[in-house]
Protein backbone atom coordinates (compact mmCIF):
# COMPACT_ATOMS: atom_id res chain seq x y z
CA MET A 1 -0.04 -0.10 -0.02
CA VAL A 2 1.33 3.51 -0.90
CA ASP A 3 1.63 5.69 2.04
CA ALA A 4 0.28 9.18 0.64
CA SER A 5 1.70 10.95 3.76
CA ARG A 6 5.30 10.30 2.85
CA PHE A 7 7.36 10.74 -0.20
CA ALA A 8 10.87 9.67 -1.39
CA SER A 9 13.64 11.90 -2.76
CA LEU A 10 15.63 9.98 -5.33
CA ASP A 11 19.04 10.20 -6.77
CA PRO A 12 18.49 11.21 -10.48
CA ARG A 13 21.70 9.31 -11.39
CA THR A 14 20.62 5.93 -10.19
CA GLY A 15 16.98 6.12 -9.04
CA GLU A 16 18.06 5.05 -5.66
CA VAL A 17 16.10 6.53 -2.67
CA VAL A 18 18.08 9.21 -0.85
CA GLY A 19 15.53 9.64 1.92
CA HIS A 20 11.79 9.74 2.98
CA HIS A 21 10.02 12.74 4.01
CA GLN A 22 6.54 13.83 5.23
CA VAL A 23 3.97 15.52 3.06
CA HIS A 24 2.89 18.36 5.21
CA ASP A 25 -0.76 19.38 4.65
CA ALA A 26 -2.45 22.92 5.10
CA ALA A 27 -2.92 22.09 8.82
CA ASP A 28 0.63 21.32 9.20
CA VAL A 29 1.79 24.39 7.50
CA ARG A 30 -0.46 26.70 9.45
CA ALA A 31 0.92 25.14 12.69
CA ALA A 32 4.47 25.79 11.51
CA VAL A 33 3.68 29.41 10.77
CA GLU A 34 1.97 29.95 14.03
CA ALA A 35 4.99 28.48 15.94
CA ALA A 36 7.34 30.74 13.82
CA ARG A 37 5.18 33.72 14.78
CA ALA A 38 6.19 33.21 18.41
CA ALA A 39 9.73 32.46 17.52
CA ALA A 40 9.95 35.64 15.42
CA VAL A 41 9.53 37.69 18.63
CA PHE A 42 12.38 35.91 20.33
CA TRP A 43 14.53 36.25 17.41
CA ALA A 44 13.79 40.06 16.65
CA ASP A 45 14.39 40.81 20.37
CA LEU A 46 17.97 39.35 20.25
CA GLY A 47 18.96 42.50 18.35
CA PHE A 48 21.63 42.67 15.54
CA ALA A 49 24.52 41.48 17.79
CA GLY A 50 22.60 38.54 19.24
CA ARG A 51 21.39 37.31 15.82
CA LYS A 52 24.84 37.78 14.38
CA ALA A 53 26.44 35.62 17.02
CA ARG A 54 23.89 32.82 16.37
CA LEU A 55 24.21 33.15 12.55
CA ASP A 56 27.98 33.08 12.86
CA ALA A 57 27.67 29.90 15.03
CA TRP A 58 25.52 28.33 12.28
CA ARG A 59 28.01 29.33 9.56
CA ARG A 60 30.90 27.63 11.55
CA LEU A 61 28.84 24.49 12.01
CA LEU A 62 28.09 24.40 8.27
CA VAL A 63 31.75 24.76 7.57
CA LYS A 64 32.51 21.85 9.62
CA ARG A 65 29.93 19.84 7.81
CA LEU A 66 30.58 20.93 4.26
CA GLY A 67 31.40 17.46 3.08
CA ASP A 68 28.08 16.17 4.43
CA LEU A 69 26.19 18.99 2.63
CA GLN A 70 28.12 18.47 -0.56
CA THR A 71 27.28 14.72 -0.56
CA LEU A 72 23.74 15.41 0.03
CA ILE A 73 23.34 17.95 -2.66
CA SER A 74 24.98 15.65 -5.17
CA ALA A 75 22.70 12.75 -4.09
CA GLU A 76 19.42 14.67 -4.42
CA THR A 77 20.36 16.73 -7.54
CA GLY A 78 22.87 14.39 -9.08
CA LYS A 79 25.15 17.36 -9.75
CA SER A 80 29.00 16.69 -9.82
CA ALA A 81 30.91 16.86 -6.71
CA ASP A 82 32.67 19.98 -7.63
CA ASP A 83 29.35 21.77 -8.64
CA ALA A 84 28.08 20.69 -5.18
CA ARG A 85 31.12 22.04 -3.38
CA THR A 86 30.98 25.28 -5.30
CA GLU A 87 27.35 25.75 -4.21
CA SER A 88 28.22 24.86 -0.55
CA VAL A 89 30.89 27.51 -0.54
CA LEU A 90 28.44 30.11 -1.77
CA VAL A 91 26.10 29.24 0.85
CA VAL A 92 28.77 29.99 3.62
CA ASP A 93 30.04 33.32 2.07
CA HIS A 94 26.47 34.67 1.67
CA LEU A 95 25.46 33.69 5.23
CA HIS A 96 28.75 35.49 6.50
CA TRP A 97 27.92 38.63 4.60
CA ALA A 98 24.33 38.86 5.63
CA ALA A 99 25.19 38.40 9.28
CA ARG A 100 28.06 40.85 9.09
CA ASN A 101 26.23 43.62 7.35
CA ALA A 102 22.68 43.48 8.59
CA GLU A 103 23.16 46.04 11.35
CA LYS A 104 25.01 48.44 9.01
CA VAL A 105 22.41 48.26 6.33
CA LEU A 106 19.26 48.31 8.53
CA ARG A 107 19.96 50.32 11.59
CA ARG A 108 18.36 53.69 12.43
CA ARG A 109 19.87 56.53 10.49
CA LYS A 110 19.41 60.35 10.34
CA VAL A 111 17.65 61.82 7.36
CA ALA A 112 17.74 65.53 6.35
CA SER A 113 14.56 67.19 7.47
CA GLY A 114 13.96 69.63 4.61
CA VAL A 115 12.42 73.15 4.82
CA LEU A 116 8.90 72.32 6.14
CA GLY A 117 10.34 69.96 8.82
CA HIS A 118 13.27 72.06 9.84
CA ASN A 119 12.47 71.82 13.48
CA HIS A 120 12.16 68.07 13.53
CA ALA A 121 14.93 65.54 13.76
CA ALA A 122 14.11 62.73 11.20
CA THR A 123 15.20 59.02 11.27
CA VAL A 124 14.49 55.95 9.27
CA GLU A 125 15.16 52.31 10.29
CA TYR A 126 14.22 48.88 8.85
CA ARG A 127 12.06 46.58 10.95
CA PRO A 128 11.62 42.90 10.31
CA LEU A 129 8.35 41.73 8.80
CA GLY A 130 7.86 38.79 11.07
CA VAL A 131 7.45 35.42 9.35
CA VAL A 132 8.89 35.07 5.87
CA GLY A 133 7.85 32.06 3.80
CA VAL A 134 10.55 30.62 1.30
CA ILE A 135 9.73 28.43 -1.62
CA GLY A 136 12.94 27.02 -3.06
CA PRO A 137 14.12 25.39 -6.24
CA TRP A 138 15.73 22.09 -6.97
CA ASN A 139 18.69 23.27 -9.21
CA TYR A 140 20.53 25.15 -6.42
CA PRO A 141 18.76 23.60 -3.36
CA ALA A 142 21.01 25.28 -0.84
CA PHE A 143 22.37 28.37 -2.31
CA THR A 144 19.22 29.79 -3.96
CA PRO A 145 16.91 29.60 -0.92
CA MET A 146 19.70 30.68 1.47
CA GLY A 147 19.77 33.78 -0.55
CA SER A 148 16.41 34.55 1.04
CA ALA A 149 16.44 32.78 4.31
CA ALA A 150 19.94 33.91 5.47
CA TYR A 151 19.06 37.51 4.51
CA ALA A 152 15.64 37.30 6.19
CA LEU A 153 16.98 35.78 9.30
CA ALA A 154 19.91 38.45 9.40
CA ALA A 155 17.01 41.04 9.24
CA GLY A 156 15.29 39.64 12.30
CA ASN A 157 12.52 37.39 10.72
CA ALA A 158 11.63 33.82 11.45
CA VAL A 159 11.59 31.65 8.23
CA VAL A 160 9.35 28.67 7.13
CA PHE A 161 11.13 26.94 4.17
CA LYS A 162 9.49 24.79 1.70
CA PRO A 163 12.27 23.12 -0.46
CA SER A 164 11.43 21.38 -3.74
CA GLU A 165 10.08 17.86 -3.60
CA PHE A 166 13.22 16.78 -5.46
CA THR A 167 15.59 18.07 -2.73
CA PRO A 168 13.91 18.08 0.59
CA GLY A 169 16.69 16.55 2.44
CA VAL A 170 18.98 19.58 1.70
CA GLY A 171 16.34 21.83 3.35
CA GLU A 172 16.05 19.71 6.31
CA PHE A 173 19.90 19.59 6.69
CA LEU A 174 20.20 23.30 6.79
CA ALA A 175 17.35 23.65 9.27
CA SER A 176 18.61 20.85 11.59
CA ALA A 177 21.99 22.62 11.74
CA PHE A 178 20.36 25.89 12.58
CA ALA A 179 18.33 24.30 15.47
CA GLU A 180 21.57 23.19 17.04
CA VAL A 181 22.59 26.79 17.52
CA VAL A 182 19.15 28.21 18.04
CA PRO A 183 17.39 25.53 20.11
CA GLU A 184 14.98 27.80 22.08
CA PHE A 185 12.45 28.43 19.38
CA PRO A 186 11.67 27.19 15.76
CA VAL A 187 13.14 30.25 14.12
CA PHE A 188 13.94 28.52 10.94
CA THR A 189 11.77 25.53 10.06
CA VAL A 190 11.06 23.26 7.07
CA VAL A 191 7.70 21.95 5.57
CA THR A 192 8.13 19.39 2.86
CA GLY A 193 5.80 18.06 0.14
CA TYR A 194 4.52 18.92 -3.35
CA GLY A 195 2.92 21.93 -4.94
CA LYS A 196 -0.01 21.85 -2.58
CA THR A 197 2.30 22.37 0.40
CA GLY A 198 3.86 25.36 -1.27
CA ALA A 199 0.32 26.73 -1.98
CA SER A 200 -0.59 26.15 1.70
CA LEU A 201 2.46 28.16 2.73
CA CYS A 202 1.20 31.16 0.51
CA ALA A 203 -2.13 30.93 2.28
CA ALA A 204 -0.92 30.36 5.78
CA GLY A 205 -0.64 34.19 6.88
CA VAL A 206 3.14 34.71 6.41
CA ASP A 207 4.21 38.42 6.02
CA LYS A 208 6.06 37.65 2.69
CA ILE A 209 6.86 34.90 0.20
CA ALA A 210 10.08 34.53 -1.40
CA PHE A 211 9.78 32.20 -4.47
CA THR A 212 12.41 30.97 -6.86
CA GLY A 213 11.26 28.86 -9.78
CA SER A 214 9.74 28.87 -13.16
CA THR A 215 7.73 31.97 -14.42
CA ALA A 216 4.74 29.97 -14.81
CA THR A 217 4.65 28.83 -11.16
CA GLY A 218 5.61 32.31 -10.05
CA ARG A 219 2.39 33.72 -11.65
CA LYS A 220 0.48 31.11 -9.57
CA VAL A 221 2.30 32.17 -6.39
CA LEU A 222 1.55 35.69 -7.18
CA ALA A 223 -2.17 34.90 -7.67
CA ALA A 224 -2.32 32.96 -4.56
CA CYS A 225 -0.95 35.84 -2.51
CA ALA A 226 -2.95 38.48 -4.11
CA SER A 227 -6.12 37.91 -2.05
CA SER A 228 -4.43 38.44 1.19
CA LEU A 229 -2.09 41.26 0.02
CA THR A 230 0.92 39.15 1.00
CA PRO A 231 4.03 40.78 -0.62
CA VAL A 232 6.04 38.45 -2.91
CA LEU A 233 9.51 38.35 -4.25
CA LEU A 234 9.80 36.48 -7.42
CA GLU A 235 13.02 35.10 -8.94
CA CYS A 236 11.94 33.45 -11.97
CA GLY A 237 13.47 32.02 -15.17
CA GLY A 238 15.77 33.56 -17.87
CA LYS A 239 17.04 33.23 -21.39
CA ASP A 240 20.39 35.00 -20.78
CA ALA A 241 22.40 36.32 -23.60
CA LEU A 242 26.15 36.58 -24.02
CA ILE A 243 27.65 39.17 -26.44
CA VAL A 244 30.81 38.89 -28.14
CA ALA A 245 32.03 41.93 -29.63
CA GLU A 246 34.49 42.57 -32.37
CA ASP A 247 37.30 43.35 -30.04
CA ALA A 248 36.67 40.39 -27.67
CA ASP A 249 39.14 37.82 -26.44
CA VAL A 250 37.55 35.03 -28.37
CA ARG A 251 39.06 32.16 -26.68
CA ALA A 252 38.03 33.58 -23.05
CA ALA A 253 34.51 34.34 -24.44
CA ALA A 254 34.14 30.64 -25.79
CA ARG A 255 35.34 29.24 -22.59
CA GLY A 256 32.92 31.55 -20.61
CA ALA A 257 30.02 30.57 -22.95
CA VAL A 258 30.67 26.90 -22.37
CA TRP A 259 31.03 27.17 -18.53
CA GLY A 260 27.96 29.53 -18.31
CA GLY A 261 25.97 27.26 -20.54
CA PHE A 262 26.87 23.81 -19.18
CA PHE A 263 27.70 24.45 -15.51
CA ASN A 264 25.16 22.39 -13.30
CA SER A 265 23.92 20.69 -16.63
CA GLY A 266 22.59 24.04 -17.88
CA GLN A 267 20.13 24.07 -15.06
CA THR A 268 20.91 27.80 -14.05
CA CYS A 269 18.32 30.32 -14.29
CA ALA A 270 21.12 32.91 -15.04
CA GLY A 271 23.11 30.41 -17.18
CA VAL A 272 24.01 31.26 -20.76
CA GLU A 273 21.48 30.12 -23.36
CA ARG A 274 21.87 32.54 -26.30
CA VAL A 275 25.36 33.77 -27.80
CA TYR A 276 25.40 36.62 -30.12
CA VAL A 277 28.73 37.02 -31.93
CA ALA A 278 29.92 39.87 -34.22
CA ASP A 279 30.48 38.74 -37.78
CA ALA A 280 34.22 39.76 -37.61
CA VAL A 281 35.00 36.99 -35.01
CA TYR A 282 32.08 34.59 -35.60
CA ASP A 283 33.90 31.87 -37.44
CA GLU A 284 36.91 32.00 -34.88
CA PHE A 285 34.42 31.80 -31.87
CA VAL A 286 32.53 28.78 -33.38
CA ARG A 287 35.84 27.05 -33.74
CA GLU A 288 36.84 27.72 -30.26
CA VAL A 289 33.47 26.86 -28.64
CA THR A 290 33.21 23.68 -30.58
CA ALA A 291 36.59 22.62 -29.26
CA ALA A 292 35.86 23.66 -25.79
CA ALA A 293 32.32 22.10 -25.58
CA SER A 294 33.59 18.82 -27.16
CA ARG A 295 35.76 18.37 -24.19
CA VAL A 296 33.05 18.59 -21.59
CA ARG A 297 31.44 15.27 -20.37
CA PRO A 298 28.28 14.57 -18.24
CA GLY A 299 28.14 11.62 -16.04
CA GLY A 300 27.27 10.10 -12.76
CA ASP A 301 30.70 9.55 -11.46
CA PRO A 302 32.45 12.21 -9.11
CA ASP A 303 34.91 13.29 -11.85
CA ALA A 304 32.26 14.07 -14.39
CA ASP A 305 32.10 17.74 -15.48
CA PHE A 306 28.29 17.89 -14.89
CA GLY A 307 25.61 15.63 -13.78
CA PRO A 308 22.21 14.43 -15.08
CA ILE A 309 18.94 16.50 -15.60
CA THR A 310 17.55 16.57 -12.14
CA MET A 311 13.85 16.84 -13.00
CA PRO A 312 13.01 14.10 -15.63
CA GLY A 313 10.20 16.20 -17.29
CA GLN A 314 12.84 18.78 -18.28
CA VAL A 315 14.46 16.20 -20.66
CA ASP A 316 11.35 16.38 -22.93
CA VAL A 317 11.66 20.31 -23.13
CA ILE A 318 15.24 20.01 -23.99
CA ARG A 319 14.58 17.36 -26.80
CA ALA A 320 11.76 19.48 -28.15
CA HIS A 321 13.89 22.57 -28.49
CA VAL A 322 16.70 20.75 -30.21
CA THR A 323 14.63 18.79 -32.67
CA GLU A 324 12.46 21.77 -33.64
CA ALA A 325 15.36 23.94 -34.22
CA LEU A 326 17.19 21.28 -36.44
CA ALA A 327 13.90 20.80 -38.34
CA ARG A 328 13.75 24.55 -39.11
CA GLY A 329 17.21 24.52 -40.64
CA ALA A 330 19.54 24.98 -37.61
CA ARG A 331 22.84 22.94 -37.48
CA ALA A 332 24.34 21.17 -34.53
CA VAL A 333 28.22 21.82 -34.53
CA VAL A 334 28.43 19.93 -31.26
CA GLY A 335 26.14 16.93 -30.31
CA GLY A 336 22.54 16.57 -31.47
CA PRO A 337 19.48 14.73 -30.80
CA GLU A 338 21.62 11.59 -30.05
CA SER A 339 23.16 13.62 -27.08
CA ILE A 340 19.96 13.29 -25.28
CA ARG A 341 20.07 10.06 -23.24
CA PRO A 342 18.11 10.32 -20.00
CA PRO A 343 18.99 11.20 -17.37
CA PHE A 344 22.05 12.81 -19.08
CA VAL A 345 22.34 15.27 -21.84
CA GLU A 346 25.66 15.92 -23.50
CA PRO A 347 26.58 19.36 -24.67
CA VAL A 348 24.86 20.61 -27.73
CA VAL A 349 25.81 23.69 -29.67
CA LEU A 350 23.45 24.90 -32.35
CA VAL A 351 23.94 27.64 -35.07
CA ASP A 352 21.61 29.02 -37.66
CA VAL A 353 18.66 28.74 -35.31
CA PRO A 354 15.58 30.94 -36.30
CA ASP A 355 15.08 33.77 -34.02
CA ASP A 356 11.47 32.61 -33.25
CA ALA A 357 12.31 28.98 -32.47
CA ALA A 358 11.80 27.88 -28.91
CA ALA A 359 15.48 27.20 -28.51
CA ALA A 360 16.09 30.93 -29.08
CA THR A 361 13.16 32.25 -27.05
CA GLU A 362 12.20 29.85 -24.29
CA GLU A 363 14.13 28.80 -21.29
CA THR A 364 15.63 25.44 -22.16
CA PHE A 365 17.38 24.70 -18.88
CA GLY A 366 19.88 22.18 -20.16
CA PRO A 367 23.26 22.09 -21.69
CA ILE A 368 22.30 23.66 -24.83
CA LEU A 369 24.00 26.70 -26.51
CA VAL A 370 22.42 28.67 -29.32
CA VAL A 371 25.08 30.73 -31.17
CA ARG A 372 23.87 33.38 -33.60
CA ARG A 373 25.95 35.58 -36.11
CA VAL A 374 25.18 39.24 -35.84
CA ALA A 375 26.51 42.19 -38.04
CA ASP A 376 27.71 44.09 -35.15
CA VAL A 377 27.10 44.91 -31.34
CA ASP A 378 24.14 47.05 -32.17
CA GLU A 379 22.28 44.08 -33.59
CA ALA A 380 23.39 41.81 -30.69
CA VAL A 381 22.07 44.42 -28.15
CA ALA A 382 18.66 44.58 -30.03
CA LEU A 383 18.38 40.74 -30.12
CA ALA A 384 19.43 40.38 -26.43
CA ASN A 385 16.77 42.85 -25.35
CA SER A 386 14.06 41.39 -27.58
CA SER A 387 13.37 38.54 -24.94
CA ARG A 388 10.55 38.73 -22.60
CA TYR A 389 13.06 37.74 -19.86
CA GLY A 390 15.62 40.09 -18.29
CA LEU A 391 17.64 38.37 -15.69
CA GLY A 392 21.44 38.35 -16.40
CA ALA A 393 23.64 38.85 -19.33
CA ALA A 394 27.40 38.68 -20.31
CA VAL A 395 29.50 40.85 -22.48
CA TYR A 396 32.94 40.12 -23.83
CA SER A 397 34.91 43.15 -25.15
CA LYS A 398 38.36 44.47 -24.43
CA ALA A 399 37.35 48.10 -24.68
CA ARG A 400 33.63 48.57 -24.84
CA GLY A 401 32.37 46.16 -22.22
CA GLU A 402 30.63 48.54 -19.75
CA GLU A 403 29.37 50.55 -22.58
CA ILE A 404 27.65 47.53 -24.08
CA ALA A 405 26.51 46.32 -20.73
CA ALA A 406 24.75 49.68 -19.97
CA ARG A 407 22.49 49.12 -23.04
CA LEU A 408 21.13 45.75 -21.82
CA ARG A 409 17.69 45.45 -20.28
CA CYS A 410 18.42 43.13 -17.45
CA GLY A 411 19.05 42.90 -13.68
CA MET A 412 22.68 41.90 -13.82
CA VAL A 413 25.75 41.77 -16.27
CA ALA A 414 29.14 40.36 -16.06
CA VAL A 415 31.79 42.04 -18.25
CA ASN A 416 34.56 39.59 -19.66
CA GLY A 417 33.10 36.84 -17.36
CA VAL A 418 29.92 34.99 -16.76
CA LEU A 419 27.64 34.70 -13.64
CA ALA A 420 30.33 36.64 -11.53
CA TYR A 421 27.63 38.75 -10.00
CA ALA A 422 26.01 35.76 -8.21
CA SER A 423 29.32 35.09 -6.40
CA VAL A 424 29.46 38.67 -4.87
CA PRO A 425 27.33 38.58 -1.67
CA GLY A 426 27.10 42.54 -1.71
CA LEU A 427 25.50 42.60 -5.03
CA PRO A 428 21.67 42.40 -5.51
CA PHE A 429 20.39 39.35 -7.68
CA GLY A 430 17.14 39.52 -9.71
CA GLY A 431 15.67 40.57 -12.91
CA VAL A 432 12.97 42.33 -14.85
CA GLY A 433 10.04 41.31 -17.05
CA ASP A 434 9.19 37.64 -16.96
CA SER A 435 12.30 37.04 -14.73
CA GLY A 436 10.48 38.52 -11.81
CA PHE A 437 10.84 41.41 -9.43
CA GLY A 438 12.57 42.08 -6.13
CA ARG A 439 16.14 41.23 -5.03
CA ILE A 440 18.08 38.81 -3.00
CA HIS A 441 21.49 39.21 -1.75
CA GLY A 442 23.32 42.42 -0.75
CA PRO A 443 21.81 45.45 1.05
CA ASP A 444 18.63 45.29 -1.27
CA GLY A 445 18.28 41.48 -0.25
CA LEU A 446 18.31 42.58 3.50
CA ARG A 447 15.73 45.34 2.89
CA GLU A 448 13.49 42.93 1.03
CA PHE A 449 12.57 41.27 4.31
CA CYS A 450 11.78 44.60 6.19
CA TYR A 451 9.56 47.40 6.35
CA ALA A 452 10.80 51.03 6.57
CA ARG A 453 9.79 52.93 9.55
CA SER A 454 10.16 56.75 9.61
CA VAL A 455 10.19 58.81 12.66
CA THR A 456 10.23 62.43 13.35
CA ARG A 457 10.98 64.25 16.64
CA ARG A 458 10.12 67.87 17.24
CA ARG A 459 13.11 69.71 18.56
CA PHE A 460 12.04 73.42 18.86
CA ARG A 461 9.32 75.73 17.85
CA PRO A 462 9.33 76.45 14.05
CA LEU A 463 10.08 79.85 12.61
CA LEU A 464 7.23 79.44 10.25
CA ASP A 465 4.59 77.18 11.85
CA VAL A 466 2.41 76.21 8.79
CA MET A 467 1.19 72.98 10.11
CA THR A 468 -1.68 74.35 12.28
CA TYR A 469 -4.79 76.19 11.52
CA ASP A 470 -3.52 79.16 13.61
CA ARG A 471 -0.82 79.78 11.00
CA GLY A 472 -2.64 82.74 9.22
CA ALA A 473 -2.16 83.55 5.45
CA ARG A 474 0.91 85.72 6.18
CA THR A 475 2.78 82.80 7.40
CA VAL A 476 2.13 80.71 4.21
CA ARG A 477 3.10 83.59 1.93
CA ARG A 478 6.32 83.84 3.93
CA LEU A 479 6.96 80.10 3.39
CA VAL A 480 6.15 80.54 -0.32
CA ARG A 481 8.79 83.32 -0.57
CA LEU A 482 11.39 81.42 1.22
CA ILE A 483 11.01 78.37 -1.01
CA ARG A 484 11.57 80.54 -4.03
CA VAL A 485 14.59 81.83 -2.57
CA LEU A 486 16.10 78.24 -1.36
CA ARG A 487 14.69 76.10 -4.16
CA GLY A 488 14.01 78.24 -7.11
CA ARG A 489 17.66 78.54 -8.25
């Protein structure tokens, strides 16, 4: 008999069971949020210094157990050992930044009072929202949700985390380690299950939802939260472009495209999917990218460059994009339909893909690169900006990188590199358009989980007291004359 109250997480490389987990229903989720509500009071009352001490202890504990975390990430996602190690390192670095900088970013600060409020002292501070619900993805099951959870915790909130049903063990590992350093209250808890569990979290009365996943699911989350006016942070999909200018270091650009496109099996929201190459260096780039891509090997062994496709259904999307492009006249200079052997997909590099083909417009989320010849950078920018997505981008140019980057409609750009912005804890991460809204990481990521609180304090009687019905017309006329002198220049 099948036990509907539990489910198994599987190793996508072998199909073996990694662990069993509870399917939390709506009542379970509400109970977790109610418990977190009381925990949030305790956590906020610790203050910045008290929270930093606990978060630092959590960080040190995670460092001691990096090997265990890496092994679990690899088991539930199938990603290579080095990819999992890289993710684990990013978790630690971002946790350190959030704990260290929360007070500096969120503490009370003075604000200039202006003309009308000249007799008041003005301050602003950022207060925690209370309980934050985090819905995480499977492709980076530790790093991505921690980009919300760590910053929400540092800001003084309690967190209820719903990990992907493909990677529940990673979420429980993080929460279990946290409970060792904060045993008093359930400040950071996990609820597991399928989509219904995530929907229950949206309806459970949290003060904000931070969601990472597909654009289609993001729309459902937004709709679910609309009726209760629960604010939402959405970090959704992308179809990120890499531009290779006429003056680029072509070999470096090819290496960047291959790594950005194939890292983590291409299962990266901000990974490289489209490459626009200036005509002057196109042939050289194709030669370089063909050679580089041909050396990259997927597999289930620890030494493989990348692992399998974690979510089985994504293989069908990848196959459909490749076969449609080839049927419409594209050429595969590396790989082809034969490269798709579930659960693994070998690198595929396509050229001459029609601009309206799915491989050029929709998120593939696999190790597929679409390389397109353009006349010049102007055409490359126009094509890059034509997407409904706007997450990240990359530009390779020796002299014009920042100039080209400034013209791109997206939330993040790496110049002469790929994905570098994701590794910098102080930089906000997020996009525009169908890639979502709101930001994780950096000062913006801390403020996402707070509300601004403004305070004024009267210091002395004003020279011109216009904020009373005893002011008289003469007082207002004097104020108008004063503003003309001070602000009319």
